[in-house]
């Protein structure tokens, strides 16, 4: 995938992120199992939201920068989930 194609896919995904989408993604990923340390890793969520896209770790980091704000806003509206940043 070219950088331009990835950017287009990220922009489409950012525009589509809303509370129901994030809630559905979180439920589906939790059904598959929690990540090491508990919960859902942000990279896993990014890969899920950008389905069908084989992404390198570098591309996931790049996509995360754009997806983080709308995903955080959606999670803040879901009382069953919390967003934690590791440190």
C-alpha atoms as a PDB file:
ATOM      1  CA  UNK A   1       0.000   0.000   0.000  1.00  0.00           C
ATOM      2  CA  UNK A   2       1.356   3.397  -0.909  1.00  0.00           C
ATOM      3  CA  UNK A   3       1.613   6.173   1.623  1.00  0.00           C
ATOM      4  CA  UNK A   4      -1.113   8.083  -0.226  1.00  0.00           C
ATOM      5  CA  UNK A   5      -3.470   5.088  -0.131  1.00  0.00           C
ATOM      6  CA  UNK A   6      -2.833   4.684   3.577  1.00  0.00           C
ATOM      7  CA  UNK A   7      -3.455   8.378   4.188  1.00  0.00           C
ATOM      8  CA  UNK A   8      -6.744   8.156   2.276  1.00  0.00           C
ATOM      9  CA  UNK A   9      -7.809   5.089   4.281  1.00  0.00           C
ATOM     10  CA  UNK A  10      -6.899   6.830   7.551  1.00  0.00           C
ATOM     11  CA  UNK A  11      -8.887   9.926   6.573  1.00  0.00           C
ATOM     12  CA  UNK A  12     -11.910   7.788   5.687  1.00  0.00           C
ATOM     13  CA  UNK A  13     -11.637   5.933   8.976  1.00  0.00           C
ATOM     14  CA  UNK A  14     -11.253   9.122  11.029  1.00  0.00           C
ATOM     15  CA  UNK A  15     -14.416  10.463   9.401  1.00  0.00           C
ATOM     16  CA  UNK A  16     -16.273   7.230  10.197  1.00  0.00           C
ATOM     17  CA  UNK A  17     -15.219   6.905  13.853  1.00  0.00           C
ATOM     18  CA  UNK A  18     -18.159   7.324  16.178  1.00  0.00           C
ATOM     19  CA  UNK A  19     -19.348   5.869  19.464  1.00  0.00           C
ATOM     20  CA  UNK A  20     -21.178   2.827  17.992  1.00  0.00           C
ATOM     21  CA  UNK A  21     -18.195   1.902  15.793  1.00  0.00           C
ATOM     22  CA  UNK A  22     -15.721   2.078  18.678  1.00  0.00           C
ATOM     23  CA  UNK A  23     -18.063   0.184  20.999  1.00  0.00           C
ATOM     24  CA  UNK A  24     -18.547  -2.570  18.412  1.00  0.00           C
ATOM     25  CA  UNK A  25     -14.783  -2.770  17.817  1.00  0.00           C
ATOM     26  CA  UNK A  26     -14.038  -2.997  21.539  1.00  0.00           C
ATOM     27  CA  UNK A  27     -16.654  -5.711  22.103  1.00  0.00           C
ATOM     28  CA  UNK A  28     -15.387  -7.752  19.166  1.00  0.00           C
ATOM     29  CA  UNK A  29     -11.765  -7.506  20.256  1.00  0.00           C
ATOM     30  CA  UNK A  30     -12.624  -8.349  23.883  1.00  0.00           C
ATOM     31  CA  UNK A  31     -14.462 -11.436  22.626  1.00  0.00           C
ATOM     32  CA  UNK A  32     -11.195 -12.451  20.967  1.00  0.00           C
ATOM     33  CA  UNK A  33      -9.350 -11.911  24.258  1.00  0.00           C
ATOM     34  CA  UNK A  34      -7.543  -9.197  26.144  1.00  0.00           C
ATOM     35  CA  UNK A  35      -3.997  -8.190  25.321  1.00  0.00           C
ATOM     36  CA  UNK A  36      -1.061  -8.774  27.656  1.00  0.00           C
ATOM     37  CA  UNK A  37      -1.575  -6.534  30.679  1.00  0.00           C
ATOM     38  CA  UNK A  38      -5.348  -6.476  30.149  1.00  0.00           C
ATOM     39  CA  UNK A  39      -7.640  -4.496  27.911  1.00  0.00           C
ATOM     40  CA  UNK A  40      -7.103  -3.672  24.261  1.00  0.00           C
ATOM     41  CA  UNK A  41      -3.796  -2.380  22.950  1.00  0.00           C
ATOM     42  CA  UNK A  42      -4.108   0.806  20.881  1.00  0.00           C
ATOM     43  CA  UNK A  43      -2.158  -0.737  17.987  1.00  0.00           C
ATOM     44  CA  UNK A  44      -4.598  -3.626  17.895  1.00  0.00           C
ATOM     45  CA  UNK A  45      -7.503  -1.183  17.802  1.00  0.00           C
ATOM     46  CA  UNK A  46      -5.894   0.784  14.953  1.00  0.00           C
ATOM     47  CA  UNK A  47      -5.336  -2.398  12.966  1.00  0.00           C
ATOM     48  CA  UNK A  48      -8.948  -3.403  13.604  1.00  0.00           C
ATOM     49  CA  UNK A  49     -10.326  -0.050  12.490  1.00  0.00           C
ATOM     50  CA  UNK A  50      -8.172  -0.103   9.347  1.00  0.00           C
ATOM     51  CA  UNK A  51      -9.314  -3.643   8.490  1.00  0.00           C
ATOM     52  CA  UNK A  52      -7.977  -5.482   5.504  1.00  0.00           C
ATOM     53  CA  UNK A  53      -4.861  -3.327   5.476  1.00  0.00           C
ATOM     54  CA  UNK A  54      -1.552  -5.126   6.110  1.00  0.00           C
ATOM     55  CA  UNK A  55       0.273  -2.498   8.161  1.00  0.00           C
ATOM     56  CA  UNK A  56       3.813  -2.301   9.436  1.00  0.00           C
ATOM     57  CA  UNK A  57       4.369  -1.097  12.996  1.00  0.00           C
ATOM     58  CA  UNK A  58       5.576   2.235  11.604  1.00  0.00           C
ATOM     59  CA  UNK A  59       2.358   2.657   9.636  1.00  0.00           C
ATOM     60  CA  UNK A  60       0.300   1.796  12.719  1.00  0.00           C
ATOM     61  CA  UNK A  61       2.131   4.480  14.715  1.00  0.00           C
ATOM     62  CA  UNK A  62       1.458   6.985  11.946  1.00  0.00           C
ATOM     63  CA  UNK A  63      -2.238   6.033  11.752  1.00  0.00           C
ATOM     64  CA  UNK A  64      -2.564   6.133  15.547  1.00  0.00           C
ATOM     65  CA  UNK A  65      -1.606   9.814  15.598  1.00  0.00           C
ATOM     66  CA  UNK A  66      -4.680  10.601  13.493  1.00  0.00           C
ATOM     67  CA  UNK A  67      -7.104   8.077  14.981  1.00  0.00           C
ATOM     68  CA  UNK A  68      -6.346   8.747  18.640  1.00  0.00           C
ATOM     69  CA  UNK A  69      -8.434  11.958  19.071  1.00  0.00           C
ATOM     70  CA  UNK A  70     -11.729  10.632  17.657  1.00  0.00           C
ATOM     71  CA  UNK A  71     -11.269   7.239  19.317  1.00  0.00           C
ATOM     72  CA  UNK A  72     -10.562   8.862  22.695  1.00  0.00           C
ATOM     73  CA  UNK A  73     -13.631  11.079  22.297  1.00  0.00           C
ATOM     74  CA  UNK A  74     -15.776   8.012  21.583  1.00  0.00           C
ATOM     75  CA  UNK A  75     -14.343   6.012  24.501  1.00  0.00           C
ATOM     76  CA  UNK A  76     -15.020   8.910  26.869  1.00  0.00           C
ATOM     77  CA  UNK A  77     -18.725   8.541  26.016  1.00  0.00           C
ATOM     78  CA  UNK A  78     -18.729   4.809  26.793  1.00  0.00           C
ATOM     79  CA  UNK A  79     -19.027   4.205  30.522  1.00  0.00           C
ATOM     80  CA  UNK A  80     -17.939   0.565  30.179  1.00  0.00           C
ATOM     81  CA  UNK A  81     -14.509   1.510  28.782  1.00  0.00           C
ATOM     82  CA  UNK A  82     -11.604   3.725  29.761  1.00  0.00           C
ATOM     83  CA  UNK A  83      -8.626   4.977  27.791  1.00  0.00           C
ATOM     84  CA  UNK A  84      -5.274   4.479  29.532  1.00  0.00           C
ATOM     85  CA  UNK A  85      -1.977   5.753  28.242  1.00  0.00           C
ATOM     86  CA  UNK A  86       1.037   3.704  29.234  1.00  0.00           C
ATOM     87  CA  UNK A  87       4.072   5.322  30.561  1.00  0.00           C
END
